[in-house]
Amino acid sequence: MIDPGKDAAAGVAEVVREHKLKPVAVLLTHGHIDHMWSVTPVAGAYDATAWIHPGDRHLLTDPMAGISAESASMLLGGDYEFTEPDDVAELADGAALELAGLTFVVDHTPGHTAGSVTFRTPWASTGSTSGGPDISEVMFSGDLLFQGSIGRTDLPGGDHAAMLRSLSAKVLPLADDVVVLPGHGEQTSIGRERATNPFLLDLIDTGGETAGRVTRGL
């Protein structure tokens, strides 16, 4: 499981029953509440390990520290308690996780949050035979990269300069045929974003450095 948000537990349970699965890990691209609301119940239900970068681990128990005052005021009307899962492991930049027959390469991509990461897995490891040579990897980009946009950096822990460095160092070097599955919005590819995403175009035009744009992602 990657980034189980609010009310995700029921949907996970349905898929697990239907396909007779045994979840072994919950991977978090970052610690914002819309991506980790259900991490503890999902991980606990299947004795699965929750993986998160140490830069965002504190958000497992204090998710309000990572959201805006407006969002916090909306949520504080409810009776919510957040705790760490029983089994938490920390992610490191460049690590290769071997999970359920899949290999996930971890890239630390701070900017949206201090502990934001992406996960890349070879296309062949997904078990599909339809992709052919046109897809080398699938990338779960969290809130780093969207179709036509990038993640916002105006929330607590956000850093626009760090976001630009992450995009320059971790996204631009990737092959055009990498499929991108963002945390919000439609599927895209590195080639499409390199050619059309205004934030990446700015980085390319300036050799990897830009400071002029305001991020408008999620």
C-alpha atoms as a PDB file:
ATOM      1  CA  MET A   1       0.000   0.000   0.000  1.00  0.00           C
ATOM      2  CA  ILE A   2       1.179   3.506  -0.805  1.00  0.00           C
ATOM      3  CA  ASP A   3      -0.240   6.581   0.963  1.00  0.00           C
ATOM      4  CA  PRO A   4      -3.485   5.313   2.525  1.00  0.00           C
ATOM      5  CA  GLY A   5      -5.596   8.423   3.091  1.00  0.00           C
ATOM      6  CA  LYS A   6      -8.825   8.957   4.966  1.00  0.00           C
ATOM      7  CA  ASP A   7     -11.326   6.073   4.743  1.00  0.00           C
ATOM      8  CA  ALA A   8      -8.796   3.925   2.875  1.00  0.00           C
ATOM      9  CA  ALA A   9      -8.997   0.957   5.273  1.00  0.00           C
ATOM     10  CA  ALA A  10     -12.332  -0.363   3.987  1.00  0.00           C
ATOM     11  CA  GLY A  11     -11.224  -0.235   0.371  1.00  0.00           C
ATOM     12  CA  VAL A  12      -7.957  -1.973   1.190  1.00  0.00           C
ATOM     13  CA  ALA A  13      -9.824  -4.720   3.056  1.00  0.00           C
ATOM     14  CA  GLU A  14     -12.115  -5.278   0.075  1.00  0.00           C
ATOM     15  CA  VAL A  15      -9.232  -5.636  -2.371  1.00  0.00           C
ATOM     16  CA  VAL A  16      -7.329  -7.895   0.024  1.00  0.00           C
ATOM     17  CA  ARG A  17     -10.341 -10.210   0.367  1.00  0.00           C
ATOM     18  CA  GLU A  18     -11.128 -10.237  -3.347  1.00  0.00           C
ATOM     19  CA  HIS A  19      -7.589 -11.097  -4.436  1.00  0.00           C
ATOM     20  CA  LYS A  20      -6.524 -13.072  -1.352  1.00  0.00           C
ATOM     21  CA  LEU A  21      -3.603 -10.766  -0.658  1.00  0.00           C
ATOM     22  CA  LYS A  22      -1.323 -10.279   2.344  1.00  0.00           C
ATOM     23  CA  PRO A  23      -0.102  -6.681   2.607  1.00  0.00           C
ATOM     24  CA  VAL A  24       3.433  -6.558   3.981  1.00  0.00           C
ATOM     25  CA  ALA A  25       4.210  -2.830   3.915  1.00  0.00           C
ATOM     26  CA  VAL A  26       2.678   0.620   3.842  1.00  0.00           C
ATOM     27  CA  LEU A  27       4.883   3.134   2.026  1.00  0.00           C
ATOM     28  CA  LEU A  28       4.435   6.845   2.704  1.00  0.00           C
ATOM     29  CA  THR A  29       5.672   9.447   0.236  1.00  0.00           C
ATOM     30  CA  HIS A  30       5.332  12.054   2.999  1.00  0.00           C
ATOM     31  CA  GLY A  31       3.583  12.712   6.273  1.00  0.00           C
ATOM     32  CA  HIS A  32       0.688  14.963   5.287  1.00  0.00           C
ATOM     33  CA  ILE A  33      -2.590  13.795   6.737  1.00  0.00           C
ATOM     34  CA  ASP A  34      -4.296  13.188   3.373  1.00  0.00           C
ATOM     35  CA  HIS A  35      -1.601  10.628   2.577  1.00  0.00           C
ATOM     36  CA  MET A  36      -1.248   8.888   5.954  1.00  0.00           C
ATOM     37  CA  TRP A  37      -4.612   9.204   7.722  1.00  0.00           C
ATOM     38  CA  SER A  38      -5.183   5.423   7.636  1.00  0.00           C
ATOM     39  CA  VAL A  39      -1.590   4.219   7.979  1.00  0.00           C
ATOM     40  CA  THR A  40      -1.990   2.905  11.531  1.00  0.00           C
ATOM     41  CA  PRO A  41      -5.243   0.956  11.008  1.00  0.00           C
ATOM     42  CA  VAL A  42      -4.074  -0.459   7.670  1.00  0.00           C
ATOM     43  CA  ALA A  43      -0.625  -1.449   8.917  1.00  0.00           C
ATOM     44  CA  GLY A  44      -2.101  -2.835  12.134  1.00  0.00           C
ATOM     45  CA  ALA A  45      -4.734  -4.938  10.392  1.00  0.00           C
ATOM     46  CA  TYR A  46      -2.103  -6.900   8.463  1.00  0.00           C
ATOM     47  CA  ASP A  47       0.948  -6.680  10.755  1.00  0.00           C
ATOM     48  CA  ALA A  48       2.591  -4.650   7.992  1.00  0.00           C
ATOM     49  CA  THR A  49       5.600  -2.366   8.339  1.00  0.00           C
ATOM     50  CA  ALA A  50       5.024   1.351   7.816  1.00  0.00           C
ATOM     51  CA  TRP A  51       7.883   3.051   5.965  1.00  0.00           C
ATOM     52  CA  ILE A  52       8.465   6.813   6.245  1.00  0.00           C
ATOM     53  CA  HIS A  53      11.420   9.171   5.962  1.00  0.00           C
ATOM     54  CA  PRO A  54      12.741  10.339   9.366  1.00  0.00           C
ATOM     55  CA  GLY A  55      12.166  13.953   8.327  1.00  0.00           C
ATOM     56  CA  ASP A  56       8.395  13.359   8.434  1.00  0.00           C
ATOM     57  CA  ARG A  57       8.126  10.694  11.115  1.00  0.00           C
ATOM     58  CA  HIS A  58       6.912  13.186  13.733  1.00  0.00           C
ATOM     59  CA  LEU A  59       3.813  13.790  11.604  1.00  0.00           C
ATOM     60  CA  LEU A  60       2.576  10.260  12.314  1.00  0.00           C
ATOM     61  CA  THR A  61       1.637  11.363  15.813  1.00  0.00           C
ATOM     62  CA  ASP A  62       1.220  15.101  15.190  1.00  0.00           C
ATOM     63  CA  PRO A  63      -0.192  15.514  11.671  1.00  0.00           C
ATOM     64  CA  MET A  64      -1.518  18.976  12.480  1.00  0.00           C
ATOM     65  CA  ALA A  65       2.093  20.186  12.471  1.00  0.00           C
ATOM     66  CA  GLY A  66       2.190  19.697   8.719  1.00  0.00           C
ATOM     67  CA  ILE A  67      -0.996  21.419   7.587  1.00  0.00           C
ATOM     68  CA  SER A  68      -2.315  24.942   7.384  1.00  0.00           C
ATOM     69  CA  ALA A  69      -4.162  26.647  10.224  1.00  0.00           C
ATOM     70  CA  GLU A  70      -7.346  26.615   8.127  1.00  0.00           C
ATOM     71  CA  SER A  71      -7.182  22.859   7.564  1.00  0.00           C
ATOM     72  CA  ALA A  72      -6.347  22.252  11.204  1.00  0.00           C
ATOM     73  CA  SER A  73      -9.352  24.288  12.362  1.00  0.00           C
ATOM     74  CA  MET A  74     -11.648  22.166  10.188  1.00  0.00           C
ATOM     75  CA  LEU A  75     -10.264  18.897  11.554  1.00  0.00           C
ATOM     76  CA  LEU A  76     -10.034  19.893  15.192  1.00  0.00           C
ATOM     77  CA  GLY A  77     -13.811  19.787  15.448  1.00  0.00           C
ATOM     78  CA  GLY A  78     -13.609  15.988  15.410  1.00  0.00           C
ATOM     79  CA  ASP A  79     -12.308  13.541  17.972  1.00  0.00           C
ATOM     80  CA  TYR A  80      -9.168  12.219  16.293  1.00  0.00           C
ATOM     81  CA  GLU A  81      -6.171  10.524  17.819  1.00  0.00           C
ATOM     82  CA  PHE A  82      -3.108   9.659  15.780  1.00  0.00           C
ATOM     83  CA  THR A  83      -0.500   7.128  16.854  1.00  0.00           C
ATOM     84  CA  GLU A  84       2.449   5.438  15.206  1.00  0.00           C
ATOM     85  CA  PRO A  85       1.900   1.946  13.828  1.00  0.00           C
ATOM     86  CA  ASP A  86       3.470  -0.827  15.881  1.00  0.00           C
ATOM     87  CA  ASP A  87       6.180  -1.394  13.265  1.00  0.00           C
ATOM     88  CA  VAL A  88       7.768   1.690  11.703  1.00  0.00           C
ATOM     89  CA  ALA A  89      10.898   1.671   9.544  1.00  0.00           C
ATOM     90  CA  GLU A  90      12.705   4.728   8.244  1.00  0.00           C
ATOM     91  CA  LEU A  91      13.487   5.362   4.592  1.00  0.00           C
ATOM     92  CA  ALA A  92      16.883   6.499   3.326  1.00  0.00           C
ATOM     93  CA  ASP A  93      17.818   8.194   0.079  1.00  0.00           C
ATOM     94  CA  GLY A  94      18.904   5.655  -2.520  1.00  0.00           C
ATOM     95  CA  ALA A  95      17.646   2.647  -0.573  1.00  0.00           C
ATOM     96  CA  ALA A  96      16.252  -0.307  -2.518  1.00  0.00           C
ATOM     97  CA  LEU A  97      13.355  -1.980  -0.727  1.00  0.00           C
ATOM     98  CA  GLU A  98      12.535  -5.577  -1.613  1.00  0.00           C
ATOM     99  CA  LEU A  99       8.853  -6.032  -0.803  1.00  0.00           C
ATOM    100  CA  ALA A 100       6.503  -8.786  -1.979  1.00  0.00           C
ATOM    101  CA  GLY A 101       8.617  -9.519  -5.043  1.00  0.00           C
ATOM    102  CA  LEU A 102       8.922  -5.848  -6.023  1.00  0.00           C
ATOM    103  CA  THR A 103      11.930  -3.554  -5.801  1.00  0.00           C
ATOM    104  CA  PHE A 104      11.319   0.068  -4.855  1.00  0.00           C
ATOM    105  CA  VAL A 105      14.105   2.625  -5.131  1.00  0.00           C
ATOM    106  CA  VAL A 106      13.704   5.485  -2.668  1.00  0.00           C
ATOM    107  CA  ASP A 107      14.602   9.040  -3.664  1.00  0.00           C
ATOM    108  CA  HIS A 108      14.560  11.678  -0.930  1.00  0.00           C
ATOM    109  CA  THR A 109      12.893  14.719  -2.498  1.00  0.00           C
ATOM    110  CA  PRO A 110      12.432  17.441   0.146  1.00  0.00           C
ATOM    111  CA  GLY A 111      10.491  20.571  -0.655  1.00  0.00           C
ATOM    112  CA  HIS A 112       6.808  19.762  -0.197  1.00  0.00           C
ATOM    113  CA  THR A 113       7.837  18.461   3.225  1.00  0.00           C
ATOM    114  CA  ALA A 114      11.252  17.826   4.740  1.00  0.00           C
ATOM    115  CA  GLY A 115      10.793  14.073   4.502  1.00  0.00           C
ATOM    116  CA  SER A 116       9.142  13.751   1.098  1.00  0.00           C
ATOM    117  CA  VAL A 117      10.267  10.793  -1.005  1.00  0.00           C
ATOM    118  CA  THR A 118       9.381   9.130  -4.273  1.00  0.00           C
ATOM    119  CA  PHE A 119       9.350   5.422  -5.074  1.00  0.00           C
ATOM    120  CA  ARG A 120      10.450   3.933  -8.406  1.00  0.00           C
ATOM    121  CA  THR A 121       9.993   0.334  -9.472  1.00  0.00           C
ATOM    122  CA  PRO A 122      11.004  -1.350 -12.754  1.00  0.00           C
ATOM    123  CA  TRP A 123       8.055  -1.838 -15.093  1.00  0.00           C
ATOM    124  CA  ALA A 124       8.857  -5.523 -15.549  1.00  0.00           C
ATOM    125  CA  SER A 125       8.459  -6.083 -11.813  1.00  0.00           C
ATOM    126  CA  THR A 126       4.774  -5.124 -12.016  1.00  0.00           C
ATOM    127  CA  GLY A 127       4.106  -8.367 -13.847  1.00  0.00           C
ATOM    128  CA  SER A 128       2.632  -6.680 -16.931  1.00  0.00           C
ATOM    129  CA  THR A 129       3.642  -7.827 -20.398  1.00  0.00           C
ATOM    130  CA  SER A 130       1.915  -5.034 -22.277  1.00  0.00           C
ATOM    131  CA  GLY A 131       4.317  -2.219 -21.591  1.00  0.00           C
ATOM    132  CA  GLY A 132       7.084  -3.379 -23.879  1.00  0.00           C
ATOM    133  CA  PRO A 133      10.228  -1.286 -24.197  1.00  0.00           C
ATOM    134  CA  ASP A 134       8.294   2.008 -23.975  1.00  0.00           C
ATOM    135  CA  ILE A 135       8.166   2.012 -20.156  1.00  0.00           C
ATOM    136  CA  SER A 136      11.272   1.483 -18.046  1.00  0.00           C
ATOM    137  CA  GLU A 137       9.958   2.383 -14.590  1.00  0.00           C
ATOM    138  CA  VAL A 138       6.878   3.435 -12.676  1.00  0.00           C
ATOM    139  CA  MET A 139       7.370   6.337 -10.284  1.00  0.00           C
ATOM    140  CA  PHE A 140       5.079   7.103  -7.353  1.00  0.00           C
ATOM    141  CA  SER A 141       5.768  10.813  -7.040  1.00  0.00           C
ATOM    142  CA  GLY A 142       3.634  11.741  -4.043  1.00  0.00           C
ATOM    143  CA  ASP A 143       3.240  15.521  -4.011  1.00  0.00           C
ATOM    144  CA  LEU A 144       6.548  16.252  -5.724  1.00  0.00           C
ATOM    145  CA  LEU A 145       5.379  16.166  -9.343  1.00  0.00           C
ATOM    146  CA  PHE A 146       1.904  16.352 -10.887  1.00  0.00           C
ATOM    147  CA  GLN A 147       0.638  16.479 -14.434  1.00  0.00           C
ATOM    148  CA  GLY A 148       1.457  20.057 -15.406  1.00  0.00           C
ATOM    149  CA  SER A 149       2.394  21.203 -11.922  1.00  0.00           C
ATOM    150  CA  ILE A 150       4.398  20.494  -8.766  1.00  0.00           C
ATOM    151  CA  GLY A 151       3.675  20.308  -5.058  1.00  0.00           C
ATOM    152  CA  ARG A 152       2.990  23.375  -2.966  1.00  0.00           C
ATOM    153  CA  THR A 153       5.669  24.615  -0.587  1.00  0.00           C
ATOM    154  CA  ASP A 154       3.723  27.103   1.517  1.00  0.00           C
ATOM    155  CA  LEU A 155       2.704  24.660   4.283  1.00  0.00           C
ATOM    156  CA  PRO A 156       4.725  24.098   7.482  1.00  0.00           C
ATOM    157  CA  GLY A 157       7.970  22.349   6.553  1.00  0.00           C
ATOM    158  CA  GLY A 158       7.748  23.391   2.912  1.00  0.00           C
ATOM    159  CA  ASP A 159      10.838  24.796   1.194  1.00  0.00           C
ATOM    160  CA  HIS A 160      10.603  26.128  -2.349  1.00  0.00           C
ATOM    161  CA  ALA A 161      14.360  26.151  -2.971  1.00  0.00           C
ATOM    162  CA  ALA A 162      14.591  22.544  -1.765  1.00  0.00           C
ATOM    163  CA  MET A 163      11.703  21.600  -4.064  1.00  0.00           C
ATOM    164  CA  LEU A 164      13.538  23.016  -7.060  1.00  0.00           C
ATOM    165  CA  ARG A 165      16.708  21.153  -6.097  1.00  0.00           C
ATOM    166  CA  SER A 166      14.744  17.915  -5.764  1.00  0.00           C
ATOM    167  CA  LEU A 167      13.161  18.365  -9.183  1.00  0.00           C
ATOM    168  CA  SER A 168      16.509  19.186 -10.735  1.00  0.00           C
ATOM    169  CA  ALA A 169      18.435  16.341  -9.103  1.00  0.00           C
ATOM    170  CA  LYS A 170      15.806  13.583  -8.914  1.00  0.00           C
ATOM    171  CA  VAL A 171      13.322  14.206 -11.734  1.00  0.00           C
ATOM    172  CA  LEU A 172      15.102  15.803 -14.679  1.00  0.00           C
ATOM    173  CA  PRO A 173      17.742  13.027 -14.953  1.00  0.00           C
ATOM    174  CA  LEU A 174      15.056  10.314 -15.337  1.00  0.00           C
ATOM    175  CA  ALA A 175      14.249   8.740 -18.693  1.00  0.00           C
ATOM    176  CA  ASP A 176      11.324  10.119 -20.680  1.00  0.00           C
ATOM    177  CA  ASP A 177       9.560   6.735 -20.621  1.00  0.00           C
ATOM    178  CA  VAL A 178       9.152   6.670 -16.828  1.00  0.00           C
ATOM    179  CA  VAL A 179       5.439   6.598 -15.980  1.00  0.00           C
ATOM    180  CA  VAL A 180       4.519   8.952 -13.122  1.00  0.00           C
ATOM    181  CA  LEU A 181       1.663   8.150 -10.737  1.00  0.00           C
ATOM    182  CA  PRO A 182       1.164  11.334  -8.694  1.00  0.00           C
ATOM    183  CA  GLY A 183      -0.426  11.622  -5.281  1.00  0.00           C
ATOM    184  CA  HIS A 184      -3.204  13.720  -6.880  1.00  0.00           C
ATOM    185  CA  GLY A 185      -4.467  13.995 -10.419  1.00  0.00           C
ATOM    186  CA  GLU A 186      -3.853  12.061 -13.595  1.00  0.00           C
ATOM    187  CA  GLN A 187      -1.057   9.713 -14.614  1.00  0.00           C
ATOM    188  CA  THR A 188       1.699  11.285 -16.682  1.00  0.00           C
ATOM    189  CA  SER A 189       5.284  10.603 -17.775  1.00  0.00           C
ATOM    190  CA  ILE A 190       8.662  12.215 -17.301  1.00  0.00           C
ATOM    191  CA  GLY A 191       8.857  12.942 -21.044  1.00  0.00           C
ATOM    192  CA  ARG A 192       5.512  14.715 -21.045  1.00  0.00           C
ATOM    193  CA  GLU A 193       6.384  16.787 -17.990  1.00  0.00           C
ATOM    194  CA  ARG A 194       9.844  17.633 -19.306  1.00  0.00           C
ATOM    195  CA  ALA A 195       8.208  18.965 -22.476  1.00  0.00           C
ATOM    196  CA  THR A 196       5.146  20.731 -21.012  1.00  0.00           C
ATOM    197  CA  ASN A 197       5.426  21.301 -17.254  1.00  0.00           C
ATOM    198  CA  PRO A 198       6.205  25.020 -16.757  1.00  0.00           C
ATOM    199  CA  PHE A 199       8.200  24.378 -13.584  1.00  0.00           C
ATOM    200  CA  LEU A 200      10.459  21.834 -15.243  1.00  0.00           C
ATOM    201  CA  LEU A 201      10.794  24.049 -18.308  1.00  0.00           C
ATOM    202  CA  ASP A 202      11.992  26.868 -16.058  1.00  0.00           C
ATOM    203  CA  LEU A 203      14.595  24.567 -14.537  1.00  0.00           C
ATOM    204  CA  ILE A 204      15.758  23.405 -17.951  1.00  0.00           C
ATOM    205  CA  ASP A 205      15.951  26.973 -19.276  1.00  0.00           C
ATOM    206  CA  THR A 206      17.992  28.137 -16.294  1.00  0.00           C
ATOM    207  CA  GLY A 207      20.209  25.091 -16.028  1.00  0.00           C
ATOM    208  CA  GLY A 208      18.499  23.791 -12.899  1.00  0.00           C
ATOM    209  CA  GLU A 209      18.052  27.042 -10.973  1.00  0.00           C
ATOM    210  CA  THR A 210      14.895  29.156 -10.784  1.00  0.00           C
ATOM    211  CA  ALA A 211      13.187  31.192  -8.125  1.00  0.00           C
ATOM    212  CA  GLY A 212      10.459  33.080  -9.959  1.00  0.00           C
ATOM    213  CA  ARG A 213       7.420  30.802  -9.920  1.00  0.00           C
ATOM    214  CA  VAL A 214       4.923  30.281  -7.120  1.00  0.00           C
ATOM    215  CA  THR A 215       3.947  26.631  -6.637  1.00  0.00           C
ATOM    216  CA  ARG A 216       0.257  25.867  -7.013  1.00  0.00           C
ATOM    217  CA  GLY A 217       0.108  22.129  -6.457  1.00  0.00           C
ATOM    218  CA  LEU A 218      -1.698  20.232  -3.703  1.00  0.00           C
END
